[in-house]
């Protein structure tokens, strides 16, 4: 992970804990959170793309500074596979 990405992740997680977590419900657990790390505004939706679209509609400069995660897990994307023989 590059330094810029690492800083985005750190800032996104800090905002999630401080701003987002107190406002989400248990039933939102599988939904995505899109966080604009500059404005600290966020959107929650079952569809990651829909959450990002609404956030960018409000903050046109948010592209490139959005941190995604699931409400119930810090892992948003998991890639897996088998090693090649």
PDB file of N, CA and C in Angstrom:
ATOM      1  N   UNK A   1       0.862  -1.173   0.000  1.00  0.00           N
ATOM      2  CA  UNK A   1       0.000   0.000   0.000  1.00  0.00           C
ATOM      3  C   UNK A   1       0.903   1.228   0.000  1.00  0.00           C
ATOM      4  N   UNK A   2       0.643   2.150  -0.915  1.00  0.00           N
ATOM      5  CA  UNK A   2       1.437   3.368  -1.000  1.00  0.00           C
ATOM      6  C   UNK A   2       1.173   4.277   0.187  1.00  0.00           C
ATOM      7  N   UNK A   3       2.078   5.225   0.390  1.00  0.00           N
ATOM      8  CA  UNK A   3       1.946   6.139   1.524  1.00  0.00           C
ATOM      9  C   UNK A   3       0.640   6.930   1.465  1.00  0.00           C
ATOM     10  N   UNK A   4       0.275   7.411   0.276  1.00  0.00           N
ATOM     11  CA  UNK A   4      -0.959   8.179   0.125  1.00  0.00           C
ATOM     12  C   UNK A   4      -2.181   7.320   0.434  1.00  0.00           C
ATOM     13  N   UNK A   5      -2.183   6.084  -0.041  1.00  0.00           N
ATOM     14  CA  UNK A   5      -3.289   5.164   0.230  1.00  0.00           C
ATOM     15  C   UNK A   5      -3.352   4.830   1.711  1.00  0.00           C
ATOM     16  N   UNK A   6      -2.212   4.633   2.315  1.00  0.00           N
ATOM     17  CA  UNK A   6      -2.158   4.336   3.744  1.00  0.00           C
ATOM     18  C   UNK A   6      -2.723   5.487   4.569  1.00  0.00           C
ATOM     19  N   UNK A   7      -2.392   6.716   4.193  1.00  0.00           N
ATOM     20  CA  UNK A   7      -2.917   7.884   4.897  1.00  0.00           C
ATOM     21  C   UNK A   7      -4.420   8.008   4.710  1.00  0.00           C
ATOM     22  N   UNK A   8      -4.913   7.713   3.488  1.00  0.00           N
ATOM     23  CA  UNK A   8      -6.346   7.733   3.217  1.00  0.00           C
ATOM     24  C   UNK A   8      -7.057   6.700   4.091  1.00  0.00           C
ATOM     25  N   UNK A   9      -6.487   5.504   4.181  1.00  0.00           N
ATOM     26  CA  UNK A   9      -7.078   4.444   4.992  1.00  0.00           C
ATOM     27  C   UNK A   9      -7.113   4.836   6.461  1.00  0.00           C
ATOM     28  N   UNK A  10      -6.026   5.352   6.952  1.00  0.00           N
ATOM     29  CA  UNK A  10      -5.955   5.755   8.358  1.00  0.00           C
ATOM     30  C   UNK A  10      -6.984   6.846   8.669  1.00  0.00           C
ATOM     31  N   UNK A  11      -7.060   7.830   7.805  1.00  0.00           N
ATOM     32  CA  UNK A  11      -8.018   8.931   8.002  1.00  0.00           C
ATOM     33  C   UNK A  11      -9.452   8.410   7.885  1.00  0.00           C
ATOM     34  N   UNK A  12      -9.717   7.557   6.897  1.00  0.00           N
ATOM     35  CA  UNK A  12     -11.050   6.988   6.716  1.00  0.00           C
ATOM     36  C   UNK A  12     -11.504   6.191   7.923  1.00  0.00           C
ATOM     37  N   UNK A  13     -10.615   5.380   8.471  1.00  0.00           N
ATOM     38  CA  UNK A  13     -10.965   4.575   9.649  1.00  0.00           C
ATOM     39  C   UNK A  13     -11.202   5.459  10.875  1.00  0.00           C
ATOM     40  N   UNK A  14     -10.406   6.499  11.021  1.00  0.00           N
ATOM     41  CA  UNK A  14     -10.580   7.418  12.151  1.00  0.00           C
ATOM     42  C   UNK A  14     -11.936   8.119  12.058  1.00  0.00           C
ATOM     43  N   UNK A  15     -12.306   8.575  10.868  1.00  0.00           N
ATOM     44  CA  UNK A  15     -13.602   9.222  10.671  1.00  0.00           C
ATOM     45  C   UNK A  15     -14.727   8.222  10.903  1.00  0.00           C
ATOM     46  N   UNK A  16     -14.546   6.986  10.428  1.00  0.00           N
ATOM     47  CA  UNK A  16     -15.578   5.965  10.635  1.00  0.00           C
ATOM     48  C   UNK A  16     -15.863   5.792  12.125  1.00  0.00           C
ATOM     49  N   UNK A  17     -14.820   5.621  12.918  1.00  0.00           N
ATOM     50  CA  UNK A  17     -15.008   5.383  14.353  1.00  0.00           C
ATOM     51  C   UNK A  17     -15.625   6.586  15.067  1.00  0.00           C
ATOM     52  N   UNK A  18     -15.201   7.773  14.701  1.00  0.00           N
ATOM     53  CA  UNK A  18     -15.639   8.980  15.392  1.00  0.00           C
ATOM     54  C   UNK A  18     -16.990   9.507  14.911  1.00  0.00           C
ATOM     55  N   UNK A  19     -17.227   9.470  13.595  1.00  0.00           N
ATOM     56  CA  UNK A  19     -18.406  10.119  13.014  1.00  0.00           C
ATOM     57  C   UNK A  19     -19.486   9.124  12.589  1.00  0.00           C
ATOM     58  N   UNK A  20     -19.073   8.075  11.875  1.00  0.00           N
ATOM     59  CA  UNK A  20     -20.043   7.166  11.258  1.00  0.00           C
ATOM     60  C   UNK A  20     -20.603   6.150  12.242  1.00  0.00           C
ATOM     61  N   UNK A  21     -19.741   5.430  12.953  1.00  0.00           N
ATOM     62  CA  UNK A  21     -20.203   4.340  13.819  1.00  0.00           C
ATOM     63  C   UNK A  21     -21.333   4.753  14.764  1.00  0.00           C
ATOM     64  N   UNK A  22     -21.279   5.938  15.401  1.00  0.00           N
ATOM     65  CA  UNK A  22     -22.377   6.318  16.294  1.00  0.00           C
ATOM     66  C   UNK A  22     -23.717   6.524  15.574  1.00  0.00           C
ATOM     67  N   UNK A  23     -23.689   6.634  14.239  1.00  0.00           N
ATOM     68  CA  UNK A  23     -24.914   6.925  13.497  1.00  0.00           C
ATOM     69  C   UNK A  23     -25.477   5.738  12.720  1.00  0.00           C
ATOM     70  N   UNK A  24     -24.780   4.612  12.697  1.00  0.00           N
ATOM     71  CA  UNK A  24     -25.279   3.457  11.952  1.00  0.00           C
ATOM     72  C   UNK A  24     -25.907   2.442  12.890  1.00  0.00           C
ATOM     73  N   UNK A  25     -26.801   1.649  12.331  1.00  0.00           N
ATOM     74  CA  UNK A  25     -27.542   0.646  13.092  1.00  0.00           C
ATOM     75  C   UNK A  25     -26.948  -0.741  12.868  1.00  0.00           C
ATOM     76  N   UNK A  26     -27.275  -1.664  13.767  1.00  0.00           N
ATOM     77  CA  UNK A  26     -26.798  -3.038  13.623  1.00  0.00           C
ATOM     78  C   UNK A  26     -27.225  -3.659  12.295  1.00  0.00           C
ATOM     79  N   UNK A  27     -28.435  -3.328  11.840  1.00  0.00           N
ATOM     80  CA  UNK A  27     -28.920  -3.922  10.596  1.00  0.00           C
ATOM     81  C   UNK A  27     -28.180  -3.382   9.362  1.00  0.00           C
ATOM     82  N   UNK A  28     -27.358  -2.359   9.532  1.00  0.00           N
ATOM     83  CA  UNK A  28     -26.558  -1.823   8.433  1.00  0.00           C
ATOM     84  C   UNK A  28     -25.253  -2.589   8.248  1.00  0.00           C
ATOM     85  N   UNK A  29     -25.019  -3.606   9.042  1.00  0.00           N
ATOM     86  CA  UNK A  29     -23.732  -4.296   9.084  1.00  0.00           C
ATOM     87  C   UNK A  29     -23.144  -4.720   7.759  1.00  0.00           C
ATOM     88  N   UNK A  30     -23.949  -5.205   6.829  1.00  0.00           N
ATOM     89  CA  UNK A  30     -23.435  -5.680   5.538  1.00  0.00           C
ATOM     90  C   UNK A  30     -23.380  -4.568   4.495  1.00  0.00           C
ATOM     91  N   UNK A  31     -23.827  -3.387   4.839  1.00  0.00           N
ATOM     92  CA  UNK A  31     -23.833  -2.280   3.883  1.00  0.00           C
ATOM     93  C   UNK A  31     -22.452  -1.630   3.791  1.00  0.00           C
ATOM     94  N   UNK A  32     -22.266  -0.890   2.708  1.00  0.00           N
ATOM     95  CA  UNK A  32     -21.029  -0.163   2.492  1.00  0.00           C
ATOM     96  C   UNK A  32     -21.141   1.262   3.024  1.00  0.00           C
ATOM     97  N   UNK A  33     -20.015   1.781   3.461  1.00  0.00           N
ATOM     98  CA  UNK A  33     -19.909   3.180   3.843  1.00  0.00           C
ATOM     99  C   UNK A  33     -18.899   3.816   2.891  1.00  0.00           C
ATOM    100  N   UNK A  34     -19.285   4.921   2.281  1.00  0.00           N
ATOM    101  CA  UNK A  34     -18.380   5.729   1.467  1.00  0.00           C
ATOM    102  C   UNK A  34     -18.126   7.003   2.254  1.00  0.00           C
ATOM    103  N   UNK A  35     -16.874   7.268   2.584  1.00  0.00           N
ATOM    104  CA  UNK A  35     -16.511   8.418   3.420  1.00  0.00           C
ATOM    105  C   UNK A  35     -15.622   9.371   2.626  1.00  0.00           C
ATOM    106  N   UNK A  36     -16.045  10.626   2.554  1.00  0.00           N
ATOM    107  CA  UNK A  36     -15.198  11.676   1.971  1.00  0.00           C
ATOM    108  C   UNK A  36     -14.262  12.115   3.094  1.00  0.00           C
ATOM    109  N   UNK A  37     -12.981  11.785   2.966  1.00  0.00           N
ATOM    110  CA  UNK A  37     -12.050  12.042   4.067  1.00  0.00           C
ATOM    111  C   UNK A  37     -11.747  13.520   4.270  1.00  0.00           C
ATOM    112  N   UNK A  38     -12.101  14.365   3.319  1.00  0.00           N
ATOM    113  CA  UNK A  38     -11.881  15.797   3.505  1.00  0.00           C
ATOM    114  C   UNK A  38     -13.051  16.447   4.249  1.00  0.00           C
ATOM    115  N   UNK A  39     -14.273  16.203   3.792  1.00  0.00           N
ATOM    116  CA  UNK A  39     -15.443  16.841   4.411  1.00  0.00           C
ATOM    117  C   UNK A  39     -15.977  16.056   5.610  1.00  0.00           C
ATOM    118  N   UNK A  40     -15.593  14.786   5.723  1.00  0.00           N
ATOM    119  CA  UNK A  40     -16.077  13.854   6.740  1.00  0.00           C
ATOM    120  C   UNK A  40     -17.547  13.495   6.553  1.00  0.00           C
ATOM    121  N   UNK A  41     -18.094  13.807   5.384  1.00  0.00           N
ATOM    122  CA  UNK A  41     -19.454  13.409   5.039  1.00  0.00           C
ATOM    123  C   UNK A  41     -19.406  11.953   4.587  1.00  0.00           C
ATOM    124  N   UNK A  42     -20.536  11.257   4.659  1.00  0.00           N
ATOM    125  CA  UNK A  42     -20.560   9.855   4.280  1.00  0.00           C
ATOM    126  C   UNK A  42     -21.923   9.446   3.766  1.00  0.00           C
ATOM    127  N   UNK A  43     -21.951   8.302   3.111  1.00  0.00           N
ATOM    128  CA  UNK A  43     -23.180   7.669   2.633  1.00  0.00           C
ATOM    129  C   UNK A  43     -23.107   6.194   2.972  1.00  0.00           C
ATOM    130  N   UNK A  44     -24.257   5.605   3.289  1.00  0.00           N
ATOM    131  CA  UNK A  44     -24.364   4.183   3.580  1.00  0.00           C
ATOM    132  C   UNK A  44     -25.362   3.585   2.606  1.00  0.00           C
ATOM    133  N   UNK A  45     -25.001   2.460   1.988  1.00  0.00           N
ATOM    134  CA  UNK A  45     -25.892   1.809   1.037  1.00  0.00           C
ATOM    135  C   UNK A  45     -25.448   0.365   0.849  1.00  0.00           C
ATOM    136  N   UNK A  46     -26.383  -0.499   0.486  1.00  0.00           N
ATOM    137  CA  UNK A  46     -26.045  -1.887   0.172  1.00  0.00           C
ATOM    138  C   UNK A  46     -25.230  -1.967  -1.115  1.00  0.00           C
ATOM    139  N   UNK A  47     -25.333  -0.939  -1.957  1.00  0.00           N
ATOM    140  CA  UNK A  47     -24.607  -0.870  -3.214  1.00  0.00           C
ATOM    141  C   UNK A  47     -23.485   0.162  -3.076  1.00  0.00           C
ATOM    142  N   UNK A  48     -22.253  -0.296  -3.174  1.00  0.00           N
ATOM    143  CA  UNK A  48     -21.093   0.580  -2.998  1.00  0.00           C
ATOM    144  C   UNK A  48     -21.095   1.720  -4.004  1.00  0.00           C
ATOM    145  N   UNK A  49     -21.417   1.426  -5.232  1.00  0.00           N
ATOM    146  CA  UNK A  49     -21.416   2.445  -6.286  1.00  0.00           C
ATOM    147  C   UNK A  49     -22.483   3.512  -6.023  1.00  0.00           C
ATOM    148  N   UNK A  50     -23.669   3.097  -5.543  1.00  0.00           N
ATOM    149  CA  UNK A  50     -24.743   4.052  -5.244  1.00  0.00           C
ATOM    150  C   UNK A  50     -24.331   4.988  -4.113  1.00  0.00           C
ATOM    151  N   UNK A  51     -23.669   4.441  -3.090  1.00  0.00           N
ATOM    152  CA  UNK A  51     -23.205   5.273  -1.973  1.00  0.00           C
ATOM    153  C   UNK A  51     -22.210   6.319  -2.471  1.00  0.00           C
ATOM    154  N   UNK A  52     -21.275   5.895  -3.306  1.00  0.00           N
ATOM    155  CA  UNK A  52     -20.265   6.820  -3.834  1.00  0.00           C
ATOM    156  C   UNK A  52     -20.908   7.873  -4.723  1.00  0.00           C
ATOM    157  N   UNK A  53     -21.867   7.468  -5.544  1.00  0.00           N
ATOM    158  CA  UNK A  53     -22.519   8.412  -6.457  1.00  0.00           C
ATOM    159  C   UNK A  53     -23.220   9.528  -5.679  1.00  0.00           C
ATOM    160  N   UNK A  54     -23.963   9.171  -4.641  1.00  0.00           N
ATOM    161  CA  UNK A  54     -24.651  10.188  -3.836  1.00  0.00           C
ATOM    162  C   UNK A  54     -23.659  11.110  -3.145  1.00  0.00           C
ATOM    163  N   UNK A  55     -22.562  10.555  -2.662  1.00  0.00           N
ATOM    164  CA  UNK A  55     -21.544  11.363  -1.997  1.00  0.00           C
ATOM    165  C   UNK A  55     -20.912  12.354  -2.974  1.00  0.00           C
ATOM    166  N   UNK A  56     -20.597  11.902  -4.173  1.00  0.00           N
ATOM    167  CA  UNK A  56     -19.986  12.769  -5.179  1.00  0.00           C
ATOM    168  C   UNK A  56     -20.987  13.820  -5.675  1.00  0.00           C
ATOM    169  N   UNK A  57     -22.264  13.489  -5.689  1.00  0.00           N
ATOM    170  CA  UNK A  57     -23.278  14.483  -6.066  1.00  0.00           C
ATOM    171  C   UNK A  57     -23.265  15.668  -5.096  1.00  0.00           C
ATOM    172  N   UNK A  58     -23.016  15.402  -3.827  1.00  0.00           N
ATOM    173  CA  UNK A  58     -22.952  16.470  -2.826  1.00  0.00           C
ATOM    174  C   UNK A  58     -21.586  17.141  -2.759  1.00  0.00           C
ATOM    175  N   UNK A  59     -20.536  16.373  -3.045  1.00  0.00           N
ATOM    176  CA  UNK A  59     -19.161  16.860  -2.950  1.00  0.00           C
ATOM    177  C   UNK A  59     -18.436  16.478  -4.240  1.00  0.00           C
ATOM    178  N   UNK A  60     -18.550  17.315  -5.244  1.00  0.00           N
ATOM    179  CA  UNK A  60     -18.018  16.982  -6.570  1.00  0.00           C
ATOM    180  C   UNK A  60     -16.513  16.704  -6.568  1.00  0.00           C
ATOM    181  N   UNK A  61     -15.795  17.251  -5.624  1.00  0.00           N
ATOM    182  CA  UNK A  61     -14.356  17.006  -5.558  1.00  0.00           C
ATOM    183  C   UNK A  61     -13.975  15.776  -4.766  1.00  0.00           C
ATOM    184  N   UNK A  62     -14.950  14.998  -4.340  1.00  0.00           N
ATOM    185  CA  UNK A  62     -14.679  13.851  -3.472  1.00  0.00           C
ATOM    186  C   UNK A  62     -13.980  12.696  -4.181  1.00  0.00           C
ATOM    187  N   UNK A  63     -14.124  12.583  -5.490  1.00  0.00           N
ATOM    188  CA  UNK A  63     -13.477  11.482  -6.196  1.00  0.00           C
ATOM    189  C   UNK A  63     -11.984  11.507  -5.919  1.00  0.00           C
ATOM    190  N   UNK A  64     -11.446  10.358  -5.576  1.00  0.00           N
ATOM    191  CA  UNK A  64     -10.031  10.264  -5.252  1.00  0.00           C
ATOM    192  C   UNK A  64      -9.738  10.430  -3.773  1.00  0.00           C
ATOM    193  N   UNK A  65     -10.748  10.800  -3.009  1.00  0.00           N
ATOM    194  CA  UNK A  65     -10.544  10.926  -1.556  1.00  0.00           C
ATOM    195  C   UNK A  65     -11.658  10.226  -0.785  1.00  0.00           C
ATOM    196  N   UNK A  66     -12.247   9.185  -1.379  1.00  0.00           N
ATOM    197  CA  UNK A  66     -13.317   8.420  -0.734  1.00  0.00           C
ATOM    198  C   UNK A  66     -12.735   7.122  -0.193  1.00  0.00           C
ATOM    199  N   UNK A  67     -13.041   6.850   1.071  1.00  0.00           N
ATOM    200  CA  UNK A  67     -12.635   5.597   1.706  1.00  0.00           C
ATOM    201  C   UNK A  67     -13.874   4.724   1.833  1.00  0.00           C
ATOM    202  N   UNK A  68     -13.779   3.468   1.397  1.00  0.00           N
ATOM    203  CA  UNK A  68     -14.889   2.520   1.472  1.00  0.00           C
ATOM    204  C   UNK A  68     -14.597   1.455   2.515  1.00  0.00           C
ATOM    205  N   UNK A  69     -15.657   1.045   3.186  1.00  0.00           N
ATOM    206  CA  UNK A  69     -15.582  -0.113   4.070  1.00  0.00           C
ATOM    207  C   UNK A  69     -16.998  -0.594   4.329  1.00  0.00           C
ATOM    208  N   UNK A  70     -17.129  -1.780   4.858  1.00  0.00           N
ATOM    209  CA  UNK A  70     -18.441  -2.255   5.292  1.00  0.00           C
ATOM    210  C   UNK A  70     -18.653  -1.760   6.713  1.00  0.00           C
ATOM    211  N   UNK A  71     -19.906  -1.580   7.083  1.00  0.00           N
ATOM    212  CA  UNK A  71     -20.220  -1.105   8.429  1.00  0.00           C
ATOM    213  C   UNK A  71     -19.671  -2.066   9.476  1.00  0.00           C
ATOM    214  N   UNK A  72     -19.848  -3.367   9.262  1.00  0.00           N
ATOM    215  CA  UNK A  72     -19.472  -4.348  10.282  1.00  0.00           C
ATOM    216  C   UNK A  72     -18.050  -4.862  10.173  1.00  0.00           C
ATOM    217  N   UNK A  73     -17.310  -4.442   9.166  1.00  0.00           N
ATOM    218  CA  UNK A  73     -15.970  -4.977   8.975  1.00  0.00           C
ATOM    219  C   UNK A  73     -15.075  -3.945   8.316  1.00  0.00           C
ATOM    220  N   UNK A  74     -13.825  -3.892   8.715  1.00  0.00           N
ATOM    221  CA  UNK A  74     -12.896  -2.971   8.071  1.00  0.00           C
ATOM    222  C   UNK A  74     -12.490  -3.471   6.695  1.00  0.00           C
ATOM    223  N   UNK A  75     -12.841  -4.712   6.380  1.00  0.00           N
ATOM    224  CA  UNK A  75     -12.511  -5.283   5.075  1.00  0.00           C
ATOM    225  C   UNK A  75     -13.654  -5.010   4.108  1.00  0.00           C
ATOM    226  N   UNK A  76     -13.348  -4.336   3.021  1.00  0.00           N
ATOM    227  CA  UNK A  76     -14.353  -4.085   1.997  1.00  0.00           C
ATOM    228  C   UNK A  76     -14.213  -5.088   0.865  1.00  0.00           C
ATOM    229  N   UNK A  77     -13.008  -5.277   0.402  1.00  0.00           N
ATOM    230  CA  UNK A  77     -12.766  -6.205  -0.690  1.00  0.00           C
ATOM    231  C   UNK A  77     -11.787  -7.261  -0.226  1.00  0.00           C
ATOM    232  N   UNK A  78     -12.068  -8.478  -0.603  1.00  0.00           N
ATOM    233  CA  UNK A  78     -11.180  -9.580  -0.266  1.00  0.00           C
ATOM    234  C   UNK A  78     -10.927 -10.352  -1.548  1.00  0.00           C
ATOM    235  N   UNK A  79      -9.703 -10.480  -1.922  1.00  0.00           N
ATOM    236  CA  UNK A  79      -9.360 -11.241  -3.101  1.00  0.00           C
ATOM    237  C   UNK A  79      -8.705 -12.533  -2.642  1.00  0.00           C
ATOM    238  N   UNK A  80      -9.122 -13.613  -3.228  1.00  0.00           N
ATOM    239  CA  UNK A  80      -8.513 -14.882  -2.841  1.00  0.00           C
ATOM    240  C   UNK A  80      -8.329 -15.736  -4.094  1.00  0.00           C
ATOM    241  N   UNK A  81      -7.545 -16.708  -3.942  1.00  0.00           N
ATOM    242  CA  UNK A  81      -7.305 -17.615  -5.065  1.00  0.00           C
ATOM    243  C   UNK A  81      -6.338 -18.683  -4.637  1.00  0.00           C
ATOM    244  N   UNK A  82      -6.057 -19.572  -5.534  1.00  0.00           N
ATOM    245  CA  UNK A  82      -5.106 -20.638  -5.240  1.00  0.00           C
ATOM    246  C   UNK A  82      -3.766 -20.298  -5.863  1.00  0.00           C
ATOM    247  N   UNK A  83      -2.704 -20.649  -5.197  1.00  0.00           N
ATOM    248  CA  UNK A  83      -1.395 -20.477  -5.834  1.00  0.00           C
ATOM    249  C   UNK A  83      -1.322 -21.344  -7.089  1.00  0.00           C
ATOM    250  N   UNK A  84      -0.653 -20.855  -8.096  1.00  0.00           N
ATOM    251  CA  UNK A  84      -0.487 -21.652  -9.313  1.00  0.00           C
ATOM    252  C   UNK A  84       0.563 -22.706  -9.092  1.00  0.00           C
ATOM    253  N   UNK A  85       0.331 -23.868  -9.640  1.00  0.00           N
ATOM    254  CA  UNK A  85       1.275 -24.982  -9.473  1.00  0.00           C
ATOM    255  C   UNK A  85       2.437 -24.848 -10.420  1.00  0.00           C
TER     256      UNK A  85
END
